[in-house]
């Protein structure tokens, strides 16, 4: 099941306190970026967060869910209406994650 644009809009609104949030549609789902780094995505209308030291420390009770068959498990963000928490989480994750490697042609 693909994610709804309305759910994407809801999540983007909740992430509005964080700087430099972008997204890219991919196969009916949405990849979420913070400062150019993948921090999570919207899969089947679930906001899933990449597992990092920061995300595991800040969301110790979060359920692990698979975004799609064969993918690594991600943390389910169930407190999506706590804007300040989401801002802090994504900005700390972005600082922790390496810059993506550039593809060569």
N, C-alpha and C. Protein backbone atom coordinates (compact mmCIF):
# COMPACT_ATOMS: atom_id res chain seq x y z
N UNK A 1 0.84 -1.18 0.00
CA UNK A 1 0.00 0.00 0.00
C UNK A 1 0.89 1.24 0.00
N UNK A 2 0.65 2.13 -0.90
CA UNK A 2 1.41 3.38 -0.96
C UNK A 2 0.91 4.35 0.11
N UNK A 3 1.78 5.26 0.49
CA UNK A 3 1.42 6.27 1.48
C UNK A 3 0.62 7.39 0.85
N UNK A 4 -0.25 7.99 1.65
CA UNK A 4 -1.08 9.10 1.19
C UNK A 4 -0.30 10.41 1.22
N UNK A 5 -0.55 11.27 0.26
CA UNK A 5 0.05 12.61 0.24
C UNK A 5 -0.40 13.40 1.47
N UNK A 6 -1.61 13.15 1.95
CA UNK A 6 -2.12 13.84 3.13
C UNK A 6 -1.28 13.50 4.37
N UNK A 7 -0.85 12.23 4.49
CA UNK A 7 -0.02 11.84 5.63
C UNK A 7 1.35 12.50 5.51
N UNK A 8 1.90 12.54 4.30
CA UNK A 8 3.16 13.24 4.08
C UNK A 8 3.03 14.69 4.52
N UNK A 9 1.98 15.36 4.09
CA UNK A 9 1.78 16.77 4.45
C UNK A 9 1.67 16.94 5.97
N UNK A 10 1.00 16.01 6.65
CA UNK A 10 0.89 16.05 8.11
C UNK A 10 2.27 15.95 8.75
N UNK A 11 3.08 14.98 8.31
CA UNK A 11 4.41 14.78 8.88
C UNK A 11 5.29 16.00 8.59
N UNK A 12 5.25 16.51 7.37
CA UNK A 12 6.06 17.69 7.04
C UNK A 12 5.66 18.88 7.91
N UNK A 13 4.38 19.02 8.20
CA UNK A 13 3.93 20.10 9.09
C UNK A 13 4.49 19.89 10.50
N UNK A 14 4.48 18.65 10.97
CA UNK A 14 5.03 18.36 12.31
C UNK A 14 6.54 18.57 12.36
N UNK A 15 7.21 18.45 11.22
CA UNK A 15 8.66 18.64 11.15
C UNK A 15 9.05 20.08 10.85
N UNK A 16 8.08 20.96 10.83
CA UNK A 16 8.32 22.34 10.39
C UNK A 16 9.28 23.12 11.29
N UNK A 17 9.50 22.69 12.52
CA UNK A 17 10.46 23.38 13.39
C UNK A 17 11.91 23.05 13.05
N UNK A 18 12.13 21.91 12.42
CA UNK A 18 13.49 21.49 12.05
C UNK A 18 13.91 22.20 10.77
N UNK A 19 15.20 22.50 10.67
CA UNK A 19 15.71 23.18 9.50
C UNK A 19 16.06 22.19 8.40
N UNK A 20 15.92 22.63 7.17
CA UNK A 20 16.40 21.90 6.00
C UNK A 20 15.80 20.49 5.88
N UNK A 21 14.48 20.40 5.98
CA UNK A 21 13.78 19.12 5.79
C UNK A 21 13.30 19.07 4.34
N UNK A 22 13.64 18.00 3.66
CA UNK A 22 13.17 17.78 2.30
C UNK A 22 12.69 16.33 2.19
N UNK A 23 12.08 16.02 1.08
CA UNK A 23 11.61 14.65 0.84
C UNK A 23 11.71 14.33 -0.64
N UNK A 24 11.68 13.04 -0.91
CA UNK A 24 11.66 12.57 -2.30
C UNK A 24 10.70 11.40 -2.37
N UNK A 25 9.82 11.44 -3.36
CA UNK A 25 8.89 10.34 -3.57
C UNK A 25 9.64 9.21 -4.26
N UNK A 26 9.42 7.99 -3.75
CA UNK A 26 10.09 6.84 -4.32
C UNK A 26 9.15 5.63 -4.24
N UNK A 27 8.69 5.16 -5.36
CA UNK A 27 7.84 3.98 -5.46
C UNK A 27 6.62 4.05 -4.54
N UNK A 28 5.95 5.18 -4.52
CA UNK A 28 4.74 5.34 -3.74
C UNK A 28 4.96 5.67 -2.27
N UNK A 29 6.22 5.76 -1.86
CA UNK A 29 6.56 6.10 -0.49
C UNK A 29 7.38 7.38 -0.51
N UNK A 30 7.81 7.87 0.66
CA UNK A 30 8.53 9.14 0.74
C UNK A 30 9.76 8.99 1.64
N UNK A 31 10.92 9.38 1.11
CA UNK A 31 12.16 9.40 1.87
C UNK A 31 12.29 10.79 2.48
N UNK A 32 12.60 10.86 3.78
CA UNK A 32 12.73 12.14 4.48
C UNK A 32 14.21 12.43 4.72
N UNK A 33 14.61 13.65 4.37
CA UNK A 33 15.99 14.11 4.52
C UNK A 33 16.04 15.27 5.50
N UNK A 34 17.12 15.34 6.26
CA UNK A 34 17.41 16.49 7.09
C UNK A 34 18.85 16.88 6.80
N UNK A 35 19.06 18.11 6.38
CA UNK A 35 20.39 18.60 5.99
C UNK A 35 21.02 17.71 4.93
N UNK A 36 20.20 17.21 4.00
CA UNK A 36 20.69 16.40 2.90
C UNK A 36 20.98 14.95 3.23
N UNK A 37 20.65 14.53 4.45
CA UNK A 37 20.92 13.16 4.90
C UNK A 37 19.62 12.42 5.16
N UNK A 38 19.56 11.16 4.75
CA UNK A 38 18.35 10.36 4.98
C UNK A 38 18.21 10.08 6.47
N UNK A 39 17.09 10.50 7.04
CA UNK A 39 16.82 10.26 8.46
C UNK A 39 15.64 9.31 8.66
N UNK A 40 14.87 9.11 7.63
CA UNK A 40 13.72 8.22 7.75
C UNK A 40 12.87 8.25 6.51
N UNK A 41 11.64 7.82 6.68
CA UNK A 41 10.74 7.82 5.55
C UNK A 41 9.31 7.51 5.98
N UNK A 42 8.42 7.67 5.04
CA UNK A 42 7.02 7.35 5.26
C UNK A 42 6.72 6.13 4.40
N UNK A 43 6.34 5.06 5.08
CA UNK A 43 6.07 3.78 4.43
C UNK A 43 4.72 3.28 4.93
N UNK A 44 3.80 3.03 4.02
CA UNK A 44 2.46 2.57 4.39
C UNK A 44 1.85 3.45 5.47
N UNK A 45 2.00 4.76 5.30
CA UNK A 45 1.47 5.75 6.24
C UNK A 45 1.99 5.55 7.66
N UNK A 46 3.26 5.15 7.75
CA UNK A 46 3.96 5.07 9.04
C UNK A 46 5.23 5.90 8.89
N UNK A 47 5.53 6.73 9.89
CA UNK A 47 6.76 7.51 9.89
C UNK A 47 7.82 6.68 10.58
N UNK A 48 8.78 6.18 9.80
CA UNK A 48 9.85 5.33 10.32
C UNK A 48 11.16 6.09 10.32
N UNK A 49 11.92 5.92 11.39
CA UNK A 49 13.18 6.63 11.61
C UNK A 49 14.33 5.64 11.50
N UNK A 50 15.39 6.08 10.84
CA UNK A 50 16.60 5.28 10.72
C UNK A 50 17.17 4.98 12.11
N UNK A 51 17.72 3.77 12.28
CA UNK A 51 18.33 3.42 13.56
C UNK A 51 19.75 4.00 13.63
N UNK A 52 19.96 4.88 14.59
CA UNK A 52 21.28 5.45 14.86
C UNK A 52 21.45 5.46 16.38
N UNK A 53 22.63 5.81 16.84
CA UNK A 53 22.84 5.92 18.29
C UNK A 53 21.85 6.93 18.88
N UNK A 54 21.71 8.06 18.21
CA UNK A 54 20.82 9.11 18.68
C UNK A 54 19.37 8.64 18.72
N UNK A 55 18.89 8.09 17.61
CA UNK A 55 17.48 7.71 17.56
C UNK A 55 17.16 6.61 18.56
N UNK A 56 18.07 5.65 18.75
CA UNK A 56 17.84 4.58 19.73
C UNK A 56 17.85 5.14 21.15
N UNK A 57 18.73 6.11 21.43
CA UNK A 57 18.79 6.71 22.76
C UNK A 57 17.55 7.56 23.05
N UNK A 58 17.08 8.29 22.03
CA UNK A 58 15.95 9.19 22.23
C UNK A 58 14.60 8.48 22.13
N UNK A 59 14.59 7.29 21.52
CA UNK A 59 13.34 6.53 21.35
C UNK A 59 13.56 5.08 21.83
N UNK A 60 13.94 4.88 23.09
CA UNK A 60 14.29 3.54 23.56
C UNK A 60 13.13 2.54 23.53
N UNK A 61 11.92 3.02 23.59
CA UNK A 61 10.75 2.14 23.61
C UNK A 61 10.13 1.94 22.23
N UNK A 62 10.70 2.55 21.21
CA UNK A 62 10.11 2.50 19.87
C UNK A 62 10.11 1.08 19.32
N UNK A 63 9.04 0.74 18.64
CA UNK A 63 8.93 -0.56 17.99
C UNK A 63 9.78 -0.57 16.73
N UNK A 64 10.37 -1.74 16.44
CA UNK A 64 11.11 -1.91 15.20
C UNK A 64 10.15 -2.42 14.13
N UNK A 65 10.19 -1.78 12.97
CA UNK A 65 9.32 -2.19 11.87
C UNK A 65 10.11 -2.18 10.59
N UNK A 66 9.72 -3.03 9.67
CA UNK A 66 10.37 -3.11 8.37
C UNK A 66 9.58 -2.25 7.38
N UNK A 67 10.25 -1.31 6.71
CA UNK A 67 9.52 -0.45 5.77
C UNK A 67 8.99 -1.21 4.56
N UNK A 68 9.74 -2.20 4.09
CA UNK A 68 9.34 -3.03 2.96
C UNK A 68 10.17 -4.32 3.02
N UNK A 69 9.73 -5.32 2.33
CA UNK A 69 10.38 -6.62 2.37
C UNK A 69 11.86 -6.51 1.98
N UNK A 70 12.71 -7.07 2.82
CA UNK A 70 14.14 -7.08 2.55
C UNK A 70 14.90 -5.88 3.09
N UNK A 71 14.20 -4.91 3.66
CA UNK A 71 14.85 -3.70 4.17
C UNK A 71 15.26 -3.88 5.62
N UNK A 72 16.20 -3.03 6.06
CA UNK A 72 16.60 -3.01 7.46
C UNK A 72 15.44 -2.47 8.30
N UNK A 73 15.36 -2.96 9.52
CA UNK A 73 14.32 -2.48 10.43
C UNK A 73 14.58 -1.02 10.79
N UNK A 74 13.50 -0.30 11.00
CA UNK A 74 13.55 1.10 11.39
C UNK A 74 12.68 1.30 12.63
N UNK A 75 12.87 2.43 13.28
CA UNK A 75 12.10 2.76 14.49
C UNK A 75 10.80 3.46 14.11
N UNK A 76 9.70 3.00 14.67
CA UNK A 76 8.41 3.62 14.42
C UNK A 76 8.27 4.86 15.29
N UNK A 77 8.09 6.01 14.66
CA UNK A 77 7.87 7.26 15.38
C UNK A 77 6.37 7.36 15.65
N UNK A 78 5.98 7.06 16.89
CA UNK A 78 4.55 7.10 17.19
C UNK A 78 4.13 8.40 17.85
N UNK A 79 5.08 9.21 18.32
CA UNK A 79 4.76 10.51 18.92
C UNK A 79 4.98 11.60 17.86
N UNK A 80 4.22 11.51 16.78
CA UNK A 80 4.45 12.42 15.65
C UNK A 80 3.93 13.83 15.87
N UNK A 81 3.24 14.07 16.97
CA UNK A 81 2.71 15.42 17.21
C UNK A 81 3.56 16.22 18.18
N UNK A 82 4.71 15.70 18.56
CA UNK A 82 5.63 16.40 19.45
C UNK A 82 6.70 17.08 18.60
N UNK A 83 6.39 18.26 18.11
CA UNK A 83 7.26 18.96 17.15
C UNK A 83 8.66 19.24 17.69
N UNK A 84 8.76 19.65 18.93
CA UNK A 84 10.08 19.96 19.50
C UNK A 84 10.94 18.71 19.61
N UNK A 85 10.33 17.60 20.02
CA UNK A 85 11.06 16.33 20.08
C UNK A 85 11.54 15.92 18.68
N UNK A 86 10.66 16.00 17.69
CA UNK A 86 11.04 15.62 16.33
C UNK A 86 12.16 16.52 15.79
N UNK A 87 12.08 17.81 16.10
CA UNK A 87 13.13 18.74 15.68
C UNK A 87 14.47 18.32 16.26
N UNK A 88 14.51 18.12 17.57
CA UNK A 88 15.75 17.73 18.23
C UNK A 88 16.27 16.40 17.69
N UNK A 89 15.38 15.43 17.54
CA UNK A 89 15.76 14.11 17.04
C UNK A 89 16.40 14.20 15.66
N UNK A 90 15.73 14.83 14.72
CA UNK A 90 16.24 14.87 13.35
C UNK A 90 17.51 15.69 13.22
N UNK A 91 17.60 16.81 13.93
CA UNK A 91 18.81 17.61 13.84
C UNK A 91 20.01 16.88 14.44
N UNK A 92 19.81 16.20 15.56
CA UNK A 92 20.91 15.42 16.15
C UNK A 92 21.30 14.25 15.25
N UNK A 93 20.30 13.61 14.65
CA UNK A 93 20.60 12.51 13.72
C UNK A 93 21.39 13.02 12.52
N UNK A 94 20.99 14.16 11.98
CA UNK A 94 21.68 14.71 10.81
C UNK A 94 23.13 15.03 11.14
N UNK A 95 23.38 15.52 12.36
CA UNK A 95 24.76 15.80 12.76
C UNK A 95 25.57 14.51 12.89
N UNK A 96 24.91 13.44 13.27
CA UNK A 96 25.57 12.15 13.49
C UNK A 96 25.85 11.38 12.18
N UNK A 97 24.97 11.51 11.22
CA UNK A 97 25.07 10.72 9.99
C UNK A 97 26.10 11.30 9.02
N UNK A 98 26.78 10.42 8.27
CA UNK A 98 27.73 10.91 7.27
C UNK A 98 26.99 11.48 6.06
N UNK A 99 27.67 12.33 5.32
CA UNK A 99 27.10 12.84 4.07
C UNK A 99 26.98 11.68 3.09
N UNK A 100 25.91 11.67 2.29
CA UNK A 100 25.79 10.60 1.30
C UNK A 100 26.89 10.69 0.26
N UNK A 101 27.31 9.54 -0.23
CA UNK A 101 28.35 9.51 -1.27
C UNK A 101 27.73 9.93 -2.59
N UNK A 102 28.49 10.67 -3.34
CA UNK A 102 28.05 11.10 -4.68
C UNK A 102 28.18 9.93 -5.64
N UNK A 103 27.18 9.79 -6.46
CA UNK A 103 27.23 8.75 -7.49
C UNK A 103 28.06 9.26 -8.66
N UNK A 104 28.89 8.39 -9.18
CA UNK A 104 29.64 8.75 -10.38
C UNK A 104 28.97 8.11 -11.58
N UNK A 105 29.01 8.78 -12.70
CA UNK A 105 28.35 8.28 -13.91
C UNK A 105 29.20 7.30 -14.65
